[in-house]
Amino acid sequence: MPLMPARVKYRKQQRGSRAGTASRGIKLAFGTYGIQALERCWLDTRQIEAARVAVTRFMKRRGKVWLRVFPDKPFTKKPLETRMGKGKGGVESWVAVIRPANILIELDGIPETQAREAMRLVANKLPIRTKFIKRHVAAKH
């Protein structure tokens, strides 16, 4: 079952702008470790699901995983060998708009070495360059 909105007000959307860097979703909010996007893209439902499966399989029910992106943008496509005109194509898939600095996945409850390995597996499933990040805990005096 791919990720997609339960219902939307409008079936089709325009492409929009992917310019600039992310202003929201750029700090670790839930976990201790995360993976941050360094490039911009449209992440498909299948790519997000592949990343989720990779990290959950590696962790074997230890720790907790948070997906910080959701595909809420419909992506349309016209059939192959179709003449121009006759309206916009049907909804092919759903995508999440990813800008540089977006946090994609967060982890907690496992050691850093295992978190790095889990995020390496996730990064291999994604079409963009990413960076492993961790929360900086303030030193207690």
N, C-alpha and C. Protein backbone atom coordinates (compact mmCIF):
# COMPACT_ATOMS: atom_id res chain seq x y z
N MET A 1 0.85 -1.19 0.00
CA MET A 1 0.00 0.00 0.00
C MET A 1 0.89 1.25 0.00
N PRO A 2 0.93 1.99 -1.11
CA PRO A 2 1.79 3.17 -1.16
C PRO A 2 1.26 4.30 -0.30
N LEU A 3 2.18 5.16 0.14
CA LEU A 3 1.78 6.36 0.88
C LEU A 3 1.04 7.30 -0.06
N MET A 4 -0.09 7.80 0.36
CA MET A 4 -0.84 8.80 -0.40
C MET A 4 -1.88 9.43 0.51
N PRO A 5 -2.32 10.65 0.20
CA PRO A 5 -3.34 11.27 1.04
C PRO A 5 -4.65 10.49 0.99
N ALA A 6 -5.38 10.48 2.09
CA ALA A 6 -6.67 9.79 2.12
C ALA A 6 -7.65 10.45 1.16
N ARG A 7 -7.66 11.77 1.15
CA ARG A 7 -8.50 12.50 0.21
C ARG A 7 -7.90 13.88 -0.02
N VAL A 8 -8.15 14.44 -1.20
CA VAL A 8 -7.63 15.76 -1.53
C VAL A 8 -8.75 16.62 -2.10
N LYS A 9 -8.61 17.92 -1.97
CA LYS A 9 -9.64 18.83 -2.48
C LYS A 9 -9.62 18.85 -4.00
N TYR A 10 -8.40 18.88 -4.58
CA TYR A 10 -8.27 18.89 -6.03
C TYR A 10 -7.42 17.71 -6.48
N ARG A 11 -7.89 17.03 -7.52
CA ARG A 11 -7.26 15.80 -7.99
C ARG A 11 -5.88 16.05 -8.61
N LYS A 12 -5.72 17.16 -9.31
CA LYS A 12 -4.47 17.44 -10.02
C LYS A 12 -3.90 18.79 -9.58
N GLN A 13 -2.56 18.89 -9.61
CA GLN A 13 -1.87 20.11 -9.21
C GLN A 13 -0.91 20.54 -10.30
N GLN A 14 -0.54 21.82 -10.28
CA GLN A 14 0.52 22.26 -11.17
C GLN A 14 1.86 21.88 -10.55
N ARG A 15 2.93 21.98 -11.36
CA ARG A 15 4.23 21.48 -10.92
C ARG A 15 4.81 22.27 -9.75
N GLY A 16 4.59 23.57 -9.69
CA GLY A 16 5.11 24.36 -8.58
C GLY A 16 6.59 24.63 -8.70
N SER A 17 7.16 25.18 -7.65
CA SER A 17 8.58 25.56 -7.64
C SER A 17 9.34 24.71 -6.63
N ARG A 18 10.52 24.25 -7.03
CA ARG A 18 11.38 23.50 -6.11
C ARG A 18 12.58 24.34 -5.69
N ALA A 19 12.56 25.63 -6.03
CA ALA A 19 13.71 26.50 -5.79
C ALA A 19 13.89 26.78 -4.30
N GLY A 20 15.10 27.21 -3.94
CA GLY A 20 15.38 27.62 -2.56
C GLY A 20 15.68 26.44 -1.66
N THR A 21 15.99 26.74 -0.40
CA THR A 21 16.23 25.69 0.59
C THR A 21 15.01 25.59 1.49
N ALA A 22 14.89 24.47 2.15
CA ALA A 22 13.76 24.23 3.05
C ALA A 22 13.83 25.18 4.24
N SER A 23 12.67 25.67 4.66
CA SER A 23 12.63 26.54 5.84
C SER A 23 12.02 25.79 7.02
N ARG A 24 11.21 24.77 6.74
CA ARG A 24 10.61 23.96 7.80
C ARG A 24 11.12 22.53 7.68
N GLY A 25 11.07 21.80 8.77
CA GLY A 25 11.52 20.41 8.75
C GLY A 25 13.01 20.28 8.54
N ILE A 26 13.79 21.21 9.13
CA ILE A 26 15.23 21.20 8.91
C ILE A 26 16.01 20.85 10.18
N LYS A 27 15.31 20.65 11.29
CA LYS A 27 15.97 20.28 12.55
C LYS A 27 15.42 18.95 13.03
N LEU A 28 16.24 18.21 13.76
CA LEU A 28 15.77 16.96 14.35
C LEU A 28 14.70 17.29 15.39
N ALA A 29 13.52 16.72 15.22
CA ALA A 29 12.42 17.03 16.12
C ALA A 29 12.06 15.86 17.04
N PHE A 30 12.32 14.63 16.60
CA PHE A 30 11.88 13.46 17.37
C PHE A 30 13.04 12.58 17.82
N GLY A 31 13.90 12.20 16.89
CA GLY A 31 14.97 11.25 17.18
C GLY A 31 16.30 11.91 17.49
N THR A 32 17.31 11.05 17.70
CA THR A 32 18.67 11.50 17.98
C THR A 32 19.48 11.59 16.70
N TYR A 33 19.17 10.73 15.72
CA TYR A 33 19.91 10.69 14.46
C TYR A 33 18.94 10.91 13.30
N GLY A 34 19.47 11.45 12.22
CA GLY A 34 18.62 11.70 11.06
C GLY A 34 19.40 11.69 9.77
N ILE A 35 18.66 11.76 8.67
CA ILE A 35 19.28 11.86 7.35
C ILE A 35 18.69 13.10 6.68
N GLN A 36 19.59 13.96 6.19
CA GLN A 36 19.20 15.27 5.66
C GLN A 36 19.50 15.33 4.17
N ALA A 37 18.57 15.88 3.39
CA ALA A 37 18.75 16.01 1.95
C ALA A 37 19.74 17.14 1.64
N LEU A 38 20.60 16.91 0.66
CA LEU A 38 21.54 17.93 0.22
C LEU A 38 21.19 18.45 -1.17
N GLU A 39 20.23 17.80 -1.83
CA GLU A 39 19.79 18.20 -3.17
C GLU A 39 18.28 18.28 -3.18
N ARG A 40 17.75 18.81 -4.29
CA ARG A 40 16.29 18.92 -4.42
C ARG A 40 15.77 17.83 -5.34
N CYS A 41 14.57 17.35 -5.07
CA CYS A 41 13.96 16.33 -5.93
C CYS A 41 12.49 16.16 -5.57
N TRP A 42 11.83 15.34 -6.36
CA TRP A 42 10.50 14.83 -6.01
C TRP A 42 10.71 13.39 -5.58
N LEU A 43 10.46 13.08 -4.31
CA LEU A 43 10.57 11.70 -3.83
C LEU A 43 9.25 11.00 -4.06
N ASP A 44 9.30 9.91 -4.81
CA ASP A 44 8.12 9.12 -5.14
C ASP A 44 7.70 8.26 -3.95
N THR A 45 6.46 7.81 -3.94
CA THR A 45 5.98 6.94 -2.86
C THR A 45 6.82 5.66 -2.77
N ARG A 46 7.22 5.13 -3.92
CA ARG A 46 8.00 3.88 -3.92
C ARG A 46 9.38 4.09 -3.32
N GLN A 47 9.99 5.25 -3.57
CA GLN A 47 11.31 5.53 -3.02
C GLN A 47 11.23 5.69 -1.50
N ILE A 48 10.19 6.38 -1.03
CA ILE A 48 10.02 6.57 0.42
C ILE A 48 9.78 5.21 1.09
N GLU A 49 8.95 4.38 0.46
CA GLU A 49 8.65 3.06 1.02
C GLU A 49 9.89 2.17 1.03
N ALA A 50 10.71 2.24 -0.03
CA ALA A 50 11.94 1.44 -0.07
C ALA A 50 12.89 1.86 1.05
N ALA A 51 12.98 3.16 1.31
CA ALA A 51 13.83 3.66 2.39
C ALA A 51 13.30 3.20 3.74
N ARG A 52 11.98 3.26 3.92
CA ARG A 52 11.37 2.83 5.19
C ARG A 52 11.62 1.34 5.44
N VAL A 53 11.43 0.52 4.42
CA VAL A 53 11.64 -0.92 4.55
C VAL A 53 13.10 -1.21 4.89
N ALA A 54 14.04 -0.52 4.21
CA ALA A 54 15.47 -0.75 4.44
C ALA A 54 15.83 -0.47 5.89
N VAL A 55 15.36 0.65 6.43
CA VAL A 55 15.74 1.02 7.80
C VAL A 55 15.05 0.13 8.83
N THR A 56 13.79 -0.23 8.64
CA THR A 56 13.09 -1.06 9.63
C THR A 56 13.63 -2.49 9.62
N ARG A 57 14.00 -3.00 8.44
CA ARG A 57 14.58 -4.35 8.38
C ARG A 57 15.93 -4.39 9.10
N PHE A 58 16.73 -3.34 8.91
CA PHE A 58 18.05 -3.32 9.54
C PHE A 58 17.92 -3.22 11.06
N MET A 59 16.96 -2.44 11.55
CA MET A 59 16.84 -2.20 12.99
C MET A 59 16.20 -3.36 13.74
N LYS A 60 15.49 -4.24 13.06
CA LYS A 60 14.89 -5.43 13.68
C LYS A 60 14.11 -5.12 14.95
N ARG A 61 13.20 -4.18 14.86
CA ARG A 61 12.31 -3.79 15.97
C ARG A 61 13.03 -3.21 17.19
N ARG A 62 14.29 -2.79 17.02
CA ARG A 62 14.98 -2.05 18.07
C ARG A 62 14.85 -0.58 17.73
N GLY A 63 14.67 0.25 18.73
CA GLY A 63 14.60 1.68 18.49
C GLY A 63 13.30 2.12 17.81
N LYS A 64 13.27 3.36 17.37
CA LYS A 64 12.07 3.94 16.76
C LYS A 64 12.45 4.73 15.51
N VAL A 65 11.56 4.71 14.52
CA VAL A 65 11.79 5.39 13.24
C VAL A 65 10.67 6.40 13.00
N TRP A 66 11.05 7.58 12.54
CA TRP A 66 10.07 8.61 12.15
C TRP A 66 10.31 8.98 10.69
N LEU A 67 9.28 8.89 9.85
CA LEU A 67 9.34 9.39 8.48
C LEU A 67 8.93 10.84 8.53
N ARG A 68 9.78 11.75 8.08
CA ARG A 68 9.49 13.17 8.17
C ARG A 68 8.95 13.76 6.87
N VAL A 69 8.81 12.93 5.82
CA VAL A 69 8.28 13.42 4.55
C VAL A 69 7.04 12.62 4.19
N PHE A 70 6.10 13.28 3.51
CA PHE A 70 4.88 12.60 3.08
C PHE A 70 4.55 13.03 1.65
N PRO A 71 4.24 12.08 0.77
CA PRO A 71 3.94 12.43 -0.62
C PRO A 71 2.51 12.95 -0.76
N ASP A 72 2.38 14.28 -0.81
CA ASP A 72 1.04 14.88 -0.87
C ASP A 72 0.81 15.62 -2.19
N LYS A 73 1.72 15.47 -3.14
CA LYS A 73 1.60 16.17 -4.42
C LYS A 73 1.31 15.15 -5.53
N PRO A 74 0.20 15.29 -6.25
CA PRO A 74 -0.08 14.34 -7.34
C PRO A 74 0.82 14.63 -8.54
N PHE A 75 1.33 13.55 -9.14
CA PHE A 75 2.21 13.64 -10.29
C PHE A 75 1.47 13.01 -11.47
N THR A 76 1.22 13.82 -12.51
CA THR A 76 0.44 13.31 -13.64
C THR A 76 1.34 12.99 -14.83
N LYS A 77 0.84 12.12 -15.68
CA LYS A 77 1.60 11.71 -16.85
C LYS A 77 0.62 11.31 -17.94
N LYS A 78 0.90 11.73 -19.18
CA LYS A 78 0.06 11.31 -20.30
C LYS A 78 0.57 9.97 -20.83
N PRO A 79 -0.29 9.15 -21.37
CA PRO A 79 0.15 7.85 -21.90
C PRO A 79 1.18 8.01 -23.02
N LEU A 80 2.00 6.99 -23.23
CA LEU A 80 2.98 7.00 -24.30
C LEU A 80 2.29 7.08 -25.66
N GLU A 81 2.95 7.73 -26.62
CA GLU A 81 2.48 7.84 -28.00
C GLU A 81 1.08 8.47 -28.08
N THR A 82 0.86 9.48 -27.24
CA THR A 82 -0.39 10.23 -27.27
C THR A 82 -0.12 11.59 -27.88
N ARG A 83 -1.02 12.04 -28.75
CA ARG A 83 -0.84 13.35 -29.37
C ARG A 83 -1.03 14.46 -28.35
N MET A 84 -0.48 15.63 -28.67
CA MET A 84 -0.59 16.78 -27.77
C MET A 84 -2.06 17.21 -27.66
N GLY A 85 -2.35 17.91 -26.55
CA GLY A 85 -3.71 18.39 -26.35
C GLY A 85 -4.54 17.37 -25.59
N LYS A 86 -5.82 17.52 -25.62
CA LYS A 86 -6.79 16.63 -24.96
C LYS A 86 -6.63 16.61 -23.44
N GLY A 87 -6.12 17.71 -22.88
CA GLY A 87 -6.10 17.85 -21.42
C GLY A 87 -4.90 17.23 -20.73
N LYS A 88 -4.89 17.41 -19.42
CA LYS A 88 -3.79 16.93 -18.57
C LYS A 88 -3.95 15.43 -18.37
N GLY A 89 -2.83 14.73 -18.24
CA GLY A 89 -2.87 13.29 -18.04
C GLY A 89 -3.41 12.89 -16.68
N GLY A 90 -3.60 11.60 -16.50
CA GLY A 90 -4.11 11.08 -15.23
C GLY A 90 -3.03 11.06 -14.17
N VAL A 91 -3.45 10.94 -12.90
CA VAL A 91 -2.49 10.90 -11.79
C VAL A 91 -1.72 9.58 -11.84
N GLU A 92 -0.41 9.69 -11.98
CA GLU A 92 0.47 8.52 -12.10
C GLU A 92 0.93 8.05 -10.72
N SER A 93 1.30 9.01 -9.88
CA SER A 93 1.86 8.69 -8.58
C SER A 93 1.76 9.92 -7.69
N TRP A 94 2.23 9.77 -6.45
CA TRP A 94 2.27 10.89 -5.50
C TRP A 94 3.72 11.13 -5.13
N VAL A 95 4.10 12.40 -4.97
CA VAL A 95 5.49 12.74 -4.66
C VAL A 95 5.55 13.71 -3.49
N ALA A 96 6.69 13.70 -2.81
CA ALA A 96 6.99 14.67 -1.76
C ALA A 96 8.03 15.62 -2.32
N VAL A 97 7.81 16.93 -2.20
CA VAL A 97 8.77 17.91 -2.69
C VAL A 97 9.89 18.03 -1.66
N ILE A 98 11.12 17.71 -2.09
CA ILE A 98 12.28 17.73 -1.19
C ILE A 98 13.21 18.86 -1.62
N ARG A 99 13.54 19.70 -0.66
CA ARG A 99 14.51 20.78 -0.90
C ARG A 99 15.74 20.52 -0.04
N PRO A 100 16.88 21.12 -0.38
CA PRO A 100 18.06 20.94 0.46
C PRO A 100 17.76 21.36 1.91
N ALA A 101 18.27 20.61 2.86
CA ALA A 101 18.14 20.81 4.31
C ALA A 101 16.94 20.09 4.91
N ASN A 102 16.05 19.49 4.10
CA ASN A 102 14.92 18.72 4.64
C ASN A 102 15.42 17.48 5.39
N ILE A 103 14.86 17.21 6.57
CA ILE A 103 15.13 15.97 7.28
C ILE A 103 14.17 14.93 6.71
N LEU A 104 14.70 13.79 6.28
CA LEU A 104 13.86 12.77 5.64
C LEU A 104 13.41 11.71 6.64
N ILE A 105 14.36 11.18 7.42
CA ILE A 105 14.05 10.11 8.38
C ILE A 105 14.80 10.39 9.66
N GLU A 106 14.17 10.07 10.80
CA GLU A 106 14.83 10.19 12.10
C GLU A 106 14.80 8.85 12.82
N LEU A 107 15.84 8.60 13.62
CA LEU A 107 15.96 7.37 14.39
C LEU A 107 16.28 7.68 15.85
N ASP A 108 15.92 6.73 16.72
CA ASP A 108 16.29 6.86 18.12
C ASP A 108 16.31 5.47 18.75
N GLY A 109 17.05 5.32 19.84
CA GLY A 109 17.05 4.07 20.59
C GLY A 109 18.07 3.05 20.13
N ILE A 110 19.00 3.43 19.26
CA ILE A 110 20.07 2.52 18.84
C ILE A 110 21.41 3.25 18.90
N PRO A 111 22.53 2.53 18.99
CA PRO A 111 23.85 3.18 19.02
C PRO A 111 24.16 3.91 17.71
N GLU A 112 25.07 4.87 17.79
CA GLU A 112 25.39 5.70 16.62
C GLU A 112 25.93 4.88 15.46
N THR A 113 26.75 3.87 15.74
CA THR A 113 27.32 3.07 14.64
C THR A 113 26.22 2.36 13.86
N GLN A 114 25.23 1.83 14.58
CA GLN A 114 24.11 1.16 13.91
C GLN A 114 23.24 2.18 13.17
N ALA A 115 23.06 3.35 13.74
CA ALA A 115 22.27 4.39 13.09
C ALA A 115 22.94 4.82 11.79
N ARG A 116 24.27 4.96 11.80
CA ARG A 116 25.00 5.33 10.58
C ARG A 116 24.82 4.27 9.49
N GLU A 117 24.89 3.00 9.89
CA GLU A 117 24.73 1.91 8.92
C GLU A 117 23.30 1.90 8.36
N ALA A 118 22.31 2.12 9.23
CA ALA A 118 20.91 2.16 8.78
C ALA A 118 20.70 3.30 7.79
N MET A 119 21.27 4.46 8.10
CA MET A 119 21.11 5.61 7.21
C MET A 119 21.88 5.44 5.90
N ARG A 120 22.98 4.67 5.95
CA ARG A 120 23.70 4.38 4.71
C ARG A 120 22.83 3.53 3.78
N LEU A 121 22.13 2.56 4.36
CA LEU A 121 21.21 1.74 3.57
C LEU A 121 20.09 2.58 2.98
N VAL A 122 19.58 3.52 3.77
CA VAL A 122 18.52 4.42 3.30
C VAL A 122 19.03 5.29 2.16
N ALA A 123 20.23 5.84 2.32
CA ALA A 123 20.80 6.74 1.30
C ALA A 123 20.96 6.03 -0.04
N ASN A 124 21.25 4.72 0.00
CA ASN A 124 21.39 3.96 -1.24
C ASN A 124 20.07 3.84 -1.99
N LYS A 125 18.96 3.96 -1.30
CA LYS A 125 17.64 3.84 -1.93
C LYS A 125 17.15 5.16 -2.50
N LEU A 126 17.79 6.27 -2.12
CA LEU A 126 17.30 7.59 -2.51
C LEU A 126 18.04 8.12 -3.74
N PRO A 127 17.37 8.94 -4.57
CA PRO A 127 17.99 9.45 -5.80
C PRO A 127 18.82 10.71 -5.59
N ILE A 128 19.01 11.13 -4.34
CA ILE A 128 19.74 12.37 -4.07
C ILE A 128 20.87 12.13 -3.08
N ARG A 129 21.80 13.10 -2.98
CA ARG A 129 22.85 13.04 -1.98
C ARG A 129 22.26 13.42 -0.63
N THR A 130 22.71 12.75 0.41
CA THR A 130 22.19 13.01 1.75
C THR A 130 23.34 13.10 2.74
N LYS A 131 23.02 13.51 3.97
CA LYS A 131 24.02 13.66 5.02
C LYS A 131 23.46 13.11 6.32
N PHE A 132 24.28 12.36 7.06
CA PHE A 132 23.90 11.84 8.37
C PHE A 132 24.07 12.96 9.39
N ILE A 133 23.06 13.18 10.20
CA ILE A 133 23.17 14.21 11.24
C ILE A 133 22.76 13.62 12.59
N LYS A 134 23.26 14.24 13.65
CA LYS A 134 22.85 13.81 14.99
C LYS A 134 22.59 15.02 15.86
N ARG A 135 21.75 14.80 16.86
CA ARG A 135 21.38 15.87 17.77
C ARG A 135 22.56 16.19 18.68
N HIS A 136 22.83 17.49 18.86
CA HIS A 136 23.91 17.92 19.76
C HIS A 136 23.30 18.18 21.13
N VAL A 137 23.64 17.34 22.10
CA VAL A 137 23.10 17.47 23.44
C VAL A 137 23.97 18.46 24.21
N ALA A 138 23.34 19.42 24.86
CA ALA A 138 24.08 20.43 25.64
C ALA A 138 24.75 19.75 26.84
N ALA A 139 25.98 20.12 27.11
CA ALA A 139 26.72 19.53 28.24
C ALA A 139 26.15 20.05 29.56
N LYS A 140 26.01 19.14 30.52
CA LYS A 140 25.48 19.53 31.83
C LYS A 140 26.63 19.98 32.72
N HIS A 141 26.46 21.10 33.43
CA HIS A 141 27.53 21.63 34.30
C HIS A 141 27.26 21.28 35.74
